Amino acid sequence: MQFLQDLDTGDLVIQNNNFAITPDGTQEVAQRLCQNLRTLLGEWFLDSSLGVPYIQSILVKNPTHAPGILKNTITTTKGVQSLLAFSFTLDNQSRGATVTFKCLDIYGGFPEGEVSI
């Protein structure tokens, strides 16, 4: 059981003056994917091994390992069965990147998303 988050902003959703709970299924997997992709390596104080090494390996001069790291993050997320589509786009001018993905989850759904870093 998890608190429901708005997938665009990451804010907790409040319904009827209570925190909403994420329904089981594809929506839960989609939320986990967004959480995993938005967490920096070392950010979580209870387990510094969690997160994506954006600063160390992705937002560097030649991020050759970035697609593999991000694909691994997606495919190892609990509930993901397989990765169906993946795109990693660098924007040198803004010094950022965008990850777009679509996968098949264990519930038969197709969580997809876009995360800007």
PDB file of N, CA and C in Angstrom:
ATOM      1  N   MET A   1       0.847  -1.180   0.000  1.00  0.00           N
ATOM      2  CA  MET A   1       0.000   0.000   0.000  1.00  0.00           C
ATOM      3  C   MET A   1       0.892   1.242   0.000  1.00  0.00           C
ATOM      4  N   GLN A   2       0.613   2.151  -0.908  1.00  0.00           N
ATOM      5  CA  GLN A   2       1.366   3.397  -1.025  1.00  0.00           C
ATOM      6  C   GLN A   2       0.386   4.564  -1.101  1.00  0.00           C
ATOM      7  N   PHE A   3       0.880   5.731  -0.703  1.00  0.00           N
ATOM      8  CA  PHE A   3       0.092   6.936  -0.919  1.00  0.00           C
ATOM      9  C   PHE A   3       0.147   7.288  -2.394  1.00  0.00           C
ATOM     10  N   LEU A   4      -0.969   7.717  -2.935  1.00  0.00           N
ATOM     11  CA  LEU A   4      -1.068   8.088  -4.338  1.00  0.00           C
ATOM     12  C   LEU A   4      -0.357   9.407  -4.576  1.00  0.00           C
ATOM     13  N   GLN A   5       0.430   9.447  -5.651  1.00  0.00           N
ATOM     14  CA  GLN A   5       1.127  10.664  -6.046  1.00  0.00           C
ATOM     15  C   GLN A   5       0.652  11.091  -7.423  1.00  0.00           C
ATOM     16  N   ASP A   6       0.631  12.386  -7.642  1.00  0.00           N
ATOM     17  CA  ASP A   6       0.398  12.921  -8.973  1.00  0.00           C
ATOM     18  C   ASP A   6       1.653  12.599  -9.785  1.00  0.00           C
ATOM     19  N   LEU A   7       1.518  11.882 -10.894  1.00  0.00           N
ATOM     20  CA  LEU A   7       2.684  11.439 -11.643  1.00  0.00           C
ATOM     21  C   LEU A   7       3.426  12.585 -12.326  1.00  0.00           C
ATOM     22  N   ASP A   8       2.768  13.697 -12.553  1.00  0.00           N
ATOM     23  CA  ASP A   8       3.437  14.837 -13.177  1.00  0.00           C
ATOM     24  C   ASP A   8       4.252  15.647 -12.186  1.00  0.00           C
ATOM     25  N   THR A   9       3.698  15.868 -11.005  1.00  0.00           N
ATOM     26  CA  THR A   9       4.359  16.746 -10.031  1.00  0.00           C
ATOM     27  C   THR A   9       5.032  16.004  -8.887  1.00  0.00           C
ATOM     28  N   GLY A  10       4.598  14.771  -8.622  1.00  0.00           N
ATOM     29  CA  GLY A  10       5.130  14.028  -7.487  1.00  0.00           C
ATOM     30  C   GLY A  10       4.450  14.363  -6.173  1.00  0.00           C
ATOM     31  N   ASP A  11       3.467  15.259  -6.217  1.00  0.00           N
ATOM     32  CA  ASP A  11       2.747  15.651  -4.999  1.00  0.00           C
ATOM     33  C   ASP A  11       1.802  14.540  -4.556  1.00  0.00           C
ATOM     34  N   LEU A  12       1.604  14.431  -3.248  1.00  0.00           N
ATOM     35  CA  LEU A  12       0.629  13.487  -2.720  1.00  0.00           C
ATOM     36  C   LEU A  12      -0.772  13.970  -3.063  1.00  0.00           C
ATOM     37  N   VAL A  13      -1.655  13.027  -3.372  1.00  0.00           N
ATOM     38  CA  VAL A  13      -3.034  13.344  -3.733  1.00  0.00           C
ATOM     39  C   VAL A  13      -3.897  13.252  -2.482  1.00  0.00           C
ATOM     40  N   ILE A  14      -4.716  14.287  -2.260  1.00  0.00           N
ATOM     41  CA  ILE A  14      -5.627  14.307  -1.121  1.00  0.00           C
ATOM     42  C   ILE A  14      -7.058  14.273  -1.654  1.00  0.00           C
ATOM     43  N   GLN A  15      -7.840  13.310  -1.126  1.00  0.00           N
ATOM     44  CA  GLN A  15      -9.245  13.189  -1.497  1.00  0.00           C
ATOM     45  C   GLN A  15     -10.066  13.109  -0.225  1.00  0.00           C
ATOM     46  N   ASN A  16     -11.113  13.893  -0.137  1.00  0.00           N
ATOM     47  CA  ASN A  16     -11.980  13.908   1.047  1.00  0.00           C
ATOM     48  C   ASN A  16     -11.192  14.133   2.339  1.00  0.00           C
ATOM     49  N   ASN A  17     -10.238  15.057   2.283  1.00  0.00           N
ATOM     50  CA  ASN A  17      -9.402  15.418   3.430  1.00  0.00           C
ATOM     51  C   ASN A  17      -8.522  14.289   3.943  1.00  0.00           C
ATOM     52  N   ASN A  18      -8.244  13.280   3.112  1.00  0.00           N
ATOM     53  CA  ASN A  18      -7.362  12.176   3.470  1.00  0.00           C
ATOM     54  C   ASN A  18      -6.387  11.931   2.328  1.00  0.00           C
ATOM     55  N   PHE A  19      -5.241  11.359   2.662  1.00  0.00           N
ATOM     56  CA  PHE A  19      -4.308  10.954   1.621  1.00  0.00           C
ATOM     57  C   PHE A  19      -4.921   9.787   0.855  1.00  0.00           C
ATOM     58  N   ALA A  20      -4.898   9.873  -0.462  1.00  0.00           N
ATOM     59  CA  ALA A  20      -5.423   8.798  -1.297  1.00  0.00           C
ATOM     60  C   ALA A  20      -4.401   7.671  -1.365  1.00  0.00           C
ATOM     61  N   ILE A  21      -4.891   6.445  -1.528  1.00  0.00           N
ATOM     62  CA  ILE A  21      -4.043   5.267  -1.623  1.00  0.00           C
ATOM     63  C   ILE A  21      -3.959   4.842  -3.086  1.00  0.00           C
ATOM     64  N   THR A  22      -2.769   4.446  -3.519  1.00  0.00           N
ATOM     65  CA  THR A  22      -2.583   3.989  -4.886  1.00  0.00           C
ATOM     66  C   THR A  22      -3.297   2.665  -5.081  1.00  0.00           C
ATOM     67  N   PRO A  23      -4.162   2.567  -6.093  1.00  0.00           N
ATOM     68  CA  PRO A  23      -4.815   1.279  -6.352  1.00  0.00           C
ATOM     69  C   PRO A  23      -3.788   0.269  -6.860  1.00  0.00           C
ATOM     70  N   ASP A  24      -3.986  -1.008  -6.518  1.00  0.00           N
ATOM     71  CA  ASP A  24      -3.111  -2.058  -7.030  1.00  0.00           C
ATOM     72  C   ASP A  24      -3.238  -2.121  -8.542  1.00  0.00           C
ATOM     73  N   GLY A  25      -2.192  -2.553  -9.182  1.00  0.00           N
ATOM     74  CA  GLY A  25      -2.241  -2.735 -10.620  1.00  0.00           C
ATOM     75  C   GLY A  25      -1.320  -1.787 -11.364  1.00  0.00           C
ATOM     76  N   THR A  26      -1.714  -1.487 -12.579  1.00  0.00           N
ATOM     77  CA  THR A  26      -0.874  -0.696 -13.476  1.00  0.00           C
ATOM     78  C   THR A  26      -0.547   0.682 -12.912  1.00  0.00           C
ATOM     79  N   GLN A  27      -1.506   1.313 -12.247  1.00  0.00           N
ATOM     80  CA  GLN A  27      -1.237   2.644 -11.695  1.00  0.00           C
ATOM     81  C   GLN A  27      -0.155   2.582 -10.620  1.00  0.00           C
ATOM     82  N   GLU A  28      -0.142   1.531  -9.832  1.00  0.00           N
ATOM     83  CA  GLU A  28       0.889   1.355  -8.807  1.00  0.00           C
ATOM     84  C   GLU A  28       2.268   1.168  -9.453  1.00  0.00           C
ATOM     85  N   VAL A  29       2.335   0.367 -10.513  1.00  0.00           N
ATOM     86  CA  VAL A  29       3.604   0.150 -11.213  1.00  0.00           C
ATOM     87  C   VAL A  29       4.086   1.459 -11.844  1.00  0.00           C
ATOM     88  N   ALA A  30       3.182   2.216 -12.457  1.00  0.00           N
ATOM     89  CA  ALA A  30       3.543   3.502 -13.061  1.00  0.00           C
ATOM     90  C   ALA A  30       4.103   4.462 -12.008  1.00  0.00           C
ATOM     91  N   GLN A  31       3.498   4.471 -10.833  1.00  0.00           N
ATOM     92  CA  GLN A  31       3.988   5.342  -9.769  1.00  0.00           C
ATOM     93  C   GLN A  31       5.378   4.898  -9.303  1.00  0.00           C
ATOM     94  N   ARG A  32       5.586   3.599  -9.169  1.00  0.00           N
ATOM     95  CA  ARG A  32       6.909   3.099  -8.779  1.00  0.00           C
ATOM     96  C   ARG A  32       7.971   3.480  -9.802  1.00  0.00           C
ATOM     97  N   LEU A  33       7.618   3.365 -11.099  1.00  0.00           N
ATOM     98  CA  LEU A  33       8.562   3.733 -12.152  1.00  0.00           C
ATOM     99  C   LEU A  33       8.976   5.195 -12.041  1.00  0.00           C
ATOM    100  N   CYS A  34       8.004   6.072 -11.872  1.00  0.00           N
ATOM    101  CA  CYS A  34       8.314   7.504 -11.748  1.00  0.00           C
ATOM    102  C   CYS A  34       9.152   7.775 -10.502  1.00  0.00           C
ATOM    103  N   GLN A  35       8.825   7.135  -9.398  1.00  0.00           N
ATOM    104  CA  GLN A  35       9.596   7.326  -8.170  1.00  0.00           C
ATOM    105  C   GLN A  35      11.036   6.864  -8.370  1.00  0.00           C
ATOM    106  N   ASN A  36      11.211   5.692  -8.963  1.00  0.00           N
ATOM    107  CA  ASN A  36      12.561   5.160  -9.154  1.00  0.00           C
ATOM    108  C   ASN A  36      13.388   6.038 -10.088  1.00  0.00           C
ATOM    109  N   LEU A  37      12.770   6.523 -11.170  1.00  0.00           N
ATOM    110  CA  LEU A  37      13.503   7.341 -12.129  1.00  0.00           C
ATOM    111  C   LEU A  37      13.787   8.750 -11.617  1.00  0.00           C
ATOM    112  N   ARG A  38      13.033   9.211 -10.645  1.00  0.00           N
ATOM    113  CA  ARG A  38      13.229  10.565 -10.112  1.00  0.00           C
ATOM    114  C   ARG A  38      14.094  10.603  -8.848  1.00  0.00           C
ATOM    115  N   THR A  39      14.565   9.464  -8.397  1.00  0.00           N
ATOM    116  CA  THR A  39      15.364   9.423  -7.177  1.00  0.00           C
ATOM    117  C   THR A  39      16.846   9.407  -7.523  1.00  0.00           C
ATOM    118  N   LEU A  40      17.576  10.370  -6.987  1.00  0.00           N
ATOM    119  CA  LEU A  40      19.020  10.442  -7.189  1.00  0.00           C
ATOM    120  C   LEU A  40      19.720   9.422  -6.307  1.00  0.00           C
ATOM    121  N   LEU A  41      20.792   8.840  -6.819  1.00  0.00           N
ATOM    122  CA  LEU A  41      21.586   7.908  -6.031  1.00  0.00           C
ATOM    123  C   LEU A  41      22.047   8.590  -4.746  1.00  0.00           C
ATOM    124  N   GLY A  42      21.782   7.943  -3.613  1.00  0.00           N
ATOM    125  CA  GLY A  42      22.198   8.473  -2.320  1.00  0.00           C
ATOM    126  C   GLY A  42      21.218   9.443  -1.698  1.00  0.00           C
ATOM    127  N   GLU A  43      20.139   9.755  -2.379  1.00  0.00           N
ATOM    128  CA  GLU A  43      19.181  10.747  -1.886  1.00  0.00           C
ATOM    129  C   GLU A  43      18.406  10.252  -0.665  1.00  0.00           C
ATOM    130  N   TRP A  44      18.039   8.973  -0.642  1.00  0.00           N
ATOM    131  CA  TRP A  44      17.227   8.433   0.442  1.00  0.00           C
ATOM    132  C   TRP A  44      18.131   8.101   1.618  1.00  0.00           C
ATOM    133  N   PHE A  45      17.947   8.811   2.720  1.00  0.00           N
ATOM    134  CA  PHE A  45      18.857   8.689   3.863  1.00  0.00           C
ATOM    135  C   PHE A  45      18.810   7.331   4.545  1.00  0.00           C
ATOM    136  N   LEU A  46      17.744   6.580   4.362  1.00  0.00           N
ATOM    137  CA  LEU A  46      17.659   5.262   4.984  1.00  0.00           C
ATOM    138  C   LEU A  46      18.370   4.177   4.168  1.00  0.00           C
ATOM    139  N   ASP A  47      18.618   4.437   2.883  1.00  0.00           N
ATOM    140  CA  ASP A  47      19.344   3.490   2.046  1.00  0.00           C
ATOM    141  C   ASP A  47      20.028   4.262   0.924  1.00  0.00           C
ATOM    142  N   SER A  48      21.286   4.614   1.122  1.00  0.00           N
ATOM    143  CA  SER A  48      21.994   5.448   0.152  1.00  0.00           C
ATOM    144  C   SER A  48      22.337   4.705  -1.137  1.00  0.00           C
ATOM    145  N   SER A  49      22.053   3.390  -1.209  1.00  0.00           N
ATOM    146  CA  SER A  49      22.317   2.647  -2.446  1.00  0.00           C
ATOM    147  C   SER A  49      21.156   2.754  -3.431  1.00  0.00           C
ATOM    148  N   LEU A  50      20.018   3.307  -2.991  1.00  0.00           N
ATOM    149  CA  LEU A  50      18.863   3.471  -3.880  1.00  0.00           C
ATOM    150  C   LEU A  50      19.033   4.703  -4.757  1.00  0.00           C
ATOM    151  N   GLY A  51      18.487   4.626  -5.938  1.00  0.00           N
ATOM    152  CA  GLY A  51      18.472   5.783  -6.822  1.00  0.00           C
ATOM    153  C   GLY A  51      19.291   5.583  -8.082  1.00  0.00           C
ATOM    154  N   VAL A  52      19.146   6.523  -8.979  1.00  0.00           N
ATOM    155  CA  VAL A  52      19.831   6.511 -10.270  1.00  0.00           C
ATOM    156  C   VAL A  52      21.059   7.414 -10.166  1.00  0.00           C
ATOM    157  N   PRO A  53      22.219   6.961 -10.653  1.00  0.00           N
ATOM    158  CA  PRO A  53      23.440   7.775 -10.567  1.00  0.00           C
ATOM    159  C   PRO A  53      23.487   8.877 -11.628  1.00  0.00           C
ATOM    160  N   TYR A  54      22.531   9.790 -11.556  1.00  0.00           N
ATOM    161  CA  TYR A  54      22.471  10.866 -12.545  1.00  0.00           C
ATOM    162  C   TYR A  54      23.735  11.720 -12.521  1.00  0.00           C
ATOM    163  N   ILE A  55      24.131  12.182 -11.373  1.00  0.00           N
ATOM    164  CA  ILE A  55      25.283  13.077 -11.259  1.00  0.00           C
ATOM    165  C   ILE A  55      26.577  12.339 -11.605  1.00  0.00           C
ATOM    166  N   GLN A  56      26.681  11.098 -11.170  1.00  0.00           N
ATOM    167  CA  GLN A  56      27.903  10.329 -11.358  1.00  0.00           C
ATOM    168  C   GLN A  56      28.065   9.786 -12.782  1.00  0.00           C
ATOM    169  N   SER A  57      26.979   9.370 -13.433  1.00  0.00           N
ATOM    170  CA  SER A  57      27.113   8.646 -14.697  1.00  0.00           C
ATOM    171  C   SER A  57      26.266   9.141 -15.859  1.00  0.00           C
ATOM    172  N   ILE A  58      25.253   9.948 -15.612  1.00  0.00           N
ATOM    173  CA  ILE A  58      24.343  10.319 -16.696  1.00  0.00           C
ATOM    174  C   ILE A  58      24.503  11.777 -17.106  1.00  0.00           C
ATOM    175  N   LEU A  59      24.505  12.680 -16.160  1.00  0.00           N
ATOM    176  CA  LEU A  59      24.650  14.101 -16.492  1.00  0.00           C
ATOM    177  C   LEU A  59      26.128  14.478 -16.516  1.00  0.00           C
ATOM    178  N   VAL A  60      26.860  13.782 -17.361  1.00  0.00           N
ATOM    179  CA  VAL A  60      28.294  13.999 -17.540  1.00  0.00           C
ATOM    180  C   VAL A  60      28.552  14.323 -19.013  1.00  0.00           C
ATOM    181  N   LYS A  61      29.809  14.597 -19.358  1.00  0.00           N
ATOM    182  CA  LYS A  61      30.129  15.039 -20.707  1.00  0.00           C
ATOM    183  C   LYS A  61      29.728  14.028 -21.792  1.00  0.00           C
ATOM    184  N   ASN A  62      30.071  12.790 -21.658  1.00  0.00           N
ATOM    185  CA  ASN A  62      29.710  11.754 -22.637  1.00  0.00           C
ATOM    186  C   ASN A  62      28.989  10.616 -21.918  1.00  0.00           C
ATOM    187  N   PRO A  63      27.676  10.720 -21.756  1.00  0.00           N
ATOM    188  CA  PRO A  63      26.930   9.720 -20.966  1.00  0.00           C
ATOM    189  C   PRO A  63      26.648   8.431 -21.746  1.00  0.00           C
ATOM    190  N   THR A  64      27.709   7.708 -22.104  1.00  0.00           N
ATOM    191  CA  THR A  64      27.545   6.514 -22.933  1.00  0.00           C
ATOM    192  C   THR A  64      26.789   5.391 -22.218  1.00  0.00           C
ATOM    193  N   HIS A  65      26.857   5.350 -20.897  1.00  0.00           N
ATOM    194  CA  HIS A  65      26.192   4.283 -20.149  1.00  0.00           C
ATOM    195  C   HIS A  65      24.779   4.656 -19.720  1.00  0.00           C
ATOM    196  N   ALA A  66      24.358   5.869 -19.983  1.00  0.00           N
ATOM    197  CA  ALA A  66      23.057   6.357 -19.511  1.00  0.00           C
ATOM    198  C   ALA A  66      21.881   5.493 -19.958  1.00  0.00           C
ATOM    199  N   PRO A  67      21.747   5.167 -21.242  1.00  0.00           N
ATOM    200  CA  PRO A  67      20.592   4.357 -21.635  1.00  0.00           C
ATOM    201  C   PRO A  67      20.540   3.014 -20.914  1.00  0.00           C
ATOM    202  N   GLY A  68      21.658   2.358 -20.757  1.00  0.00           N
ATOM    203  CA  GLY A  68      21.685   1.068 -20.071  1.00  0.00           C
ATOM    204  C   GLY A  68      21.299   1.178 -18.605  1.00  0.00           C
ATOM    205  N   ILE A  69      21.777   2.213 -17.934  1.00  0.00           N
ATOM    206  CA  ILE A  69      21.452   2.436 -16.522  1.00  0.00           C
ATOM    207  C   ILE A  69      19.956   2.681 -16.362  1.00  0.00           C
ATOM    208  N   LEU A  70      19.400   3.516 -17.225  1.00  0.00           N
ATOM    209  CA  LEU A  70      17.981   3.848 -17.135  1.00  0.00           C
ATOM    210  C   LEU A  70      17.095   2.668 -17.504  1.00  0.00           C
ATOM    211  N   LYS A  71      17.482   1.907 -18.529  1.00  0.00           N
ATOM    212  CA  LYS A  71      16.728   0.706 -18.889  1.00  0.00           C
ATOM    213  C   LYS A  71      16.728  -0.283 -17.724  1.00  0.00           C
ATOM    214  N   ASN A  72      17.878  -0.438 -17.077  1.00  0.00           N
ATOM    215  CA  ASN A  72      17.978  -1.342 -15.933  1.00  0.00           C
ATOM    216  C   ASN A  72      17.076  -0.877 -14.792  1.00  0.00           C
ATOM    217  N   THR A  73      17.028   0.414 -14.560  1.00  0.00           N
ATOM    218  CA  THR A  73      16.158   0.960 -13.514  1.00  0.00           C
ATOM    219  C   THR A  73      14.695   0.619 -13.814  1.00  0.00           C
ATOM    220  N   ILE A  74      14.304   0.753 -15.067  1.00  0.00           N
ATOM    221  CA  ILE A  74      12.920   0.467 -15.453  1.00  0.00           C
ATOM    222  C   ILE A  74      12.621  -1.029 -15.333  1.00  0.00           C
ATOM    223  N   THR A  75      13.477  -1.872 -15.890  1.00  0.00           N
ATOM    224  CA  THR A  75      13.179  -3.306 -15.935  1.00  0.00           C
ATOM    225  C   THR A  75      13.279  -3.980 -14.569  1.00  0.00           C
ATOM    226  N   THR A  76      14.002  -3.386 -13.633  1.00  0.00           N
ATOM    227  CA  THR A  76      14.106  -3.979 -12.296  1.00  0.00           C
ATOM    228  C   THR A  76      13.084  -3.404 -11.316  1.00  0.00           C
ATOM    229  N   THR A  77      12.234  -2.508 -11.788  1.00  0.00           N
ATOM    230  CA  THR A  77      11.176  -1.965 -10.938  1.00  0.00           C
ATOM    231  C   THR A  77      10.144  -3.052 -10.672  1.00  0.00           C
ATOM    232  N   LYS A  78       9.749  -3.176  -9.426  1.00  0.00           N
ATOM    233  CA  LYS A  78       8.780  -4.200  -9.035  1.00  0.00           C
ATOM    234  C   LYS A  78       7.494  -4.045  -9.848  1.00  0.00           C
ATOM    235  N   GLY A  79       7.071  -5.140 -10.481  1.00  0.00           N
ATOM    236  CA  GLY A  79       5.834  -5.140 -11.258  1.00  0.00           C
ATOM    237  C   GLY A  79       6.035  -5.014 -12.751  1.00  0.00           C
ATOM    238  N   VAL A  80       7.256  -4.669 -13.194  1.00  0.00           N
ATOM    239  CA  VAL A  80       7.523  -4.532 -14.625  1.00  0.00           C
ATOM    240  C   VAL A  80       7.906  -5.900 -15.184  1.00  0.00           C
ATOM    241  N   GLN A  81       7.227  -6.293 -16.254  1.00  0.00           N
ATOM    242  CA  GLN A  81       7.522  -7.576 -16.888  1.00  0.00           C
ATOM    243  C   GLN A  81       8.536  -7.407 -18.021  1.00  0.00           C
ATOM    244  N   SER A  82       8.329  -6.392 -18.868  1.00  0.00           N
ATOM    245  CA  SER A  82       9.276  -6.168 -19.964  1.00  0.00           C
ATOM    246  C   SER A  82       9.193  -4.722 -20.448  1.00  0.00           C
ATOM    247  N   LEU A  83      10.274  -4.273 -21.046  1.00  0.00           N
ATOM    248  CA  LEU A  83      10.364  -2.932 -21.608  1.00  0.00           C
ATOM    249  C   LEU A  83      10.008  -3.020 -23.086  1.00  0.00           C
ATOM    250  N   LEU A  84       9.000  -2.261 -23.531  1.00  0.00           N
ATOM    251  CA  LEU A  84       8.535  -2.315 -24.909  1.00  0.00           C
ATOM    252  C   LEU A  84       9.113  -1.200 -25.778  1.00  0.00           C
ATOM    253  N   ALA A  85       9.288  -0.024 -25.209  1.00  0.00           N
ATOM    254  CA  ALA A  85       9.832   1.119 -25.955  1.00  0.00           C
ATOM    255  C   ALA A  85      10.650   1.972 -24.997  1.00  0.00           C
ATOM    256  N   PHE A  86      11.729   2.540 -25.528  1.00  0.00           N
ATOM    257  CA  PHE A  86      12.617   3.352 -24.694  1.00  0.00           C
ATOM    258  C   PHE A  86      13.284   4.398 -25.564  1.00  0.00           C
ATOM    259  N   SER A  87      13.366   5.614 -25.035  1.00  0.00           N
ATOM    260  CA  SER A  87      14.047   6.699 -25.729  1.00  0.00           C
ATOM    261  C   SER A  87      14.771   7.558 -24.700  1.00  0.00           C
ATOM    262  N   PHE A  88      16.016   7.895 -24.991  1.00  0.00           N
ATOM    263  CA  PHE A  88      16.817   8.779 -24.137  1.00  0.00           C
ATOM    264  C   PHE A  88      17.319   9.901 -25.024  1.00  0.00           C
ATOM    265  N   THR A  89      16.876  11.130 -24.739  1.00  0.00           N
ATOM    266  CA  THR A  89      17.221  12.277 -25.572  1.00  0.00           C
ATOM    267  C   THR A  89      17.964  13.312 -24.748  1.00  0.00           C
ATOM    268  N   LEU A  90      19.143  13.675 -25.211  1.00  0.00           N
ATOM    269  CA  LEU A  90      19.931  14.728 -24.557  1.00  0.00           C
ATOM    270  C   LEU A  90      19.617  16.074 -25.198  1.00  0.00           C
ATOM    271  N   ASP A  91      19.564  17.106 -24.373  1.00  0.00           N
ATOM    272  CA  ASP A  91      19.404  18.467 -24.860  1.00  0.00           C
ATOM    273  C   ASP A  91      20.617  19.252 -24.371  1.00  0.00           C
ATOM    274  N   ASN A  92      21.600  19.405 -25.256  1.00  0.00           N
ATOM    275  CA  ASN A  92      22.849  20.060 -24.865  1.00  0.00           C
ATOM    276  C   ASN A  92      22.656  21.512 -24.462  1.00  0.00           C
ATOM    277  N   GLN A  93      21.691  22.180 -25.077  1.00  0.00           N
ATOM    278  CA  GLN A  93      21.480  23.585 -24.777  1.00  0.00           C
ATOM    279  C   GLN A  93      20.972  23.787 -23.347  1.00  0.00           C
ATOM    280  N   SER A  94      20.008  22.973 -22.940  1.00  0.00           N
ATOM    281  CA  SER A  94      19.468  23.111 -21.582  1.00  0.00           C
ATOM    282  C   SER A  94      20.247  22.266 -20.579  1.00  0.00           C
ATOM    283  N   ARG A  95      21.179  21.447 -21.087  1.00  0.00           N
ATOM    284  CA  ARG A  95      21.983  20.550 -20.249  1.00  0.00           C
ATOM    285  C   ARG A  95      21.105  19.584 -19.467  1.00  0.00           C
ATOM    286  N   GLY A  96      20.070  19.092 -20.122  1.00  0.00           N
ATOM    287  CA  GLY A  96      19.153  18.133 -19.517  1.00  0.00           C
ATOM    288  C   GLY A  96      18.916  16.963 -20.446  1.00  0.00           C
ATOM    289  N   ALA A  97      18.052  16.096 -20.025  1.00  0.00           N
ATOM    290  CA  ALA A  97      17.717  14.922 -20.823  1.00  0.00           C
ATOM    291  C   ALA A  97      16.272  14.529 -20.551  1.00  0.00           C
ATOM    292  N   THR A  98      15.723  13.754 -21.467  1.00  0.00           N
ATOM    293  CA  THR A  98      14.364  13.247 -21.311  1.00  0.00           C
ATOM    294  C   THR A  98      14.372  11.741 -21.564  1.00  0.00           C
ATOM    295  N   VAL A  99      13.720  11.022 -20.683  1.00  0.00           N
ATOM    296  CA  VAL A  99      13.565   9.578 -20.811  1.00  0.00           C
ATOM    297  C   VAL A  99      12.086   9.312 -21.088  1.00  0.00           C
ATOM    298  N   THR A 100      11.806   8.604 -22.172  1.00  0.00           N
ATOM    299  CA  THR A 100      10.444   8.221 -22.514  1.00  0.00           C
ATOM    300  C   THR A 100      10.425   6.695 -22.601  1.00  0.00           C
ATOM    301  N   PHE A 101       9.387   6.086 -22.018  1.00  0.00           N
ATOM    302  CA  PHE A 101       9.358   4.627 -21.994  1.00  0.00           C
ATOM    303  C   PHE A 101       7.927   4.102 -22.013  1.00  0.00           C
ATOM    304  N   LYS A 102       7.813   2.845 -22.388  1.00  0.00           N
ATOM    305  CA  LYS A 102       6.555   2.105 -22.309  1.00  0.00           C
ATOM    306  C   LYS A 102       6.931   0.669 -21.984  1.00  0.00           C
ATOM    307  N   CYS A 103       6.206   0.074 -21.055  1.00  0.00           N
ATOM    308  CA  CYS A 103       6.521  -1.294 -20.678  1.00  0.00           C
ATOM    309  C   CYS A 103       5.244  -2.092 -20.441  1.00  0.00           C
ATOM    310  N   LEU A 104       5.428  -3.380 -20.283  1.00  0.00           N
ATOM    311  CA  LEU A 104       4.343  -4.291 -19.963  1.00  0.00           C
ATOM    312  C   LEU A 104       4.500  -4.662 -18.499  1.00  0.00           C
ATOM    313  N   ASP A 105       3.407  -4.553 -17.730  1.00  0.00           N
ATOM    314  CA  ASP A 105       3.509  -4.906 -16.313  1.00  0.00           C
ATOM    315  C   ASP A 105       2.899  -6.286 -16.066  1.00  0.00           C
ATOM    316  N   ILE A 106       3.039  -6.777 -14.862  1.00  0.00           N
ATOM    317  CA  ILE A 106       2.566  -8.119 -14.513  1.00  0.00           C
ATOM    318  C   ILE A 106       1.044  -8.204 -14.487  1.00  0.00           C
ATOM    319  N   TYR A 107       0.374  -7.064 -14.548  1.00  0.00           N
ATOM    320  CA  TYR A 107      -1.086  -7.028 -14.549  1.00  0.00           C
ATOM    321  C   TYR A 107      -1.663  -6.973 -15.964  1.00  0.00           C
ATOM    322  N   GLY A 108      -0.786  -6.949 -16.968  1.00  0.00           N
ATOM    323  CA  GLY A 108      -1.237  -6.875 -18.356  1.00  0.00           C
ATOM    324  C   GLY A 108      -1.425  -5.456 -18.853  1.00  0.00           C
ATOM    325  N   GLY A 109      -1.073  -4.471 -18.037  1.00  0.00           N
ATOM    326  CA  GLY A 109      -1.199  -3.066 -18.413  1.00  0.00           C
ATOM    327  C   GLY A 109       0.073  -2.571 -19.077  1.00  0.00           C
ATOM    328  N   PHE A 110       0.000  -1.357 -19.566  1.00  0.00           N
ATOM    329  CA  PHE A 110       1.123  -0.766 -20.277  1.00  0.00           C
ATOM    330  C   PHE A 110       1.508   0.585 -19.671  1.00  0.00           C
ATOM    331  N   PRO A 111       2.181   0.572 -18.510  1.00  0.00           N
ATOM    332  CA  PRO A 111       2.597   1.855 -17.944  1.00  0.00           C
ATOM    333  C   PRO A 111       3.615   2.537 -18.867  1.00  0.00           C
ATOM    334  N   GLU A 112       3.447   3.821 -19.024  1.00  0.00           N
ATOM    335  CA  GLU A 112       4.381   4.588 -19.829  1.00  0.00           C
ATOM    336  C   GLU A 112       4.585   5.935 -19.184  1.00  0.00           C
ATOM    337  N   GLY A 113       5.659   6.581 -19.556  1.00  0.00           N
ATOM    338  CA  GLY A 113       5.911   7.874 -18.959  1.00  0.00           C
ATOM    339  C   GLY A 113       7.041   8.611 -19.629  1.00  0.00           C
ATOM    340  N   GLU A 114       7.211   9.832 -19.179  1.00  0.00           N
ATOM    341  CA  GLU A 114       8.297  10.675 -19.647  1.00  0.00           C
ATOM    342  C   GLU A 114       8.834  11.403 -18.439  1.00  0.00           C
ATOM    343  N   VAL A 115      10.130  11.292 -18.239  1.00  0.00           N
ATOM    344  CA  VAL A 115      10.763  11.919 -17.090  1.00  0.00           C
ATOM    345  C   VAL A 115      11.879  12.826 -17.605  1.00  0.00           C
ATOM    346  N   SER A 116      11.829  14.077 -17.208  1.00  0.00           N
ATOM    347  CA  SER A 116      12.881  15.031 -17.597  1.00  0.00           C
ATOM    348  C   SER A 116      13.881  15.145 -16.459  1.00  0.00           C
ATOM    349  N   ILE A 117      15.158  15.144 -16.833  1.00  0.00           N
ATOM    350  CA  ILE A 117      16.221  15.237 -15.829  1.00  0.00           C
ATOM    351  C   ILE A 117      17.192  16.336 -16.207  1.00  0.00           C
TER     352      ILE A 117
END
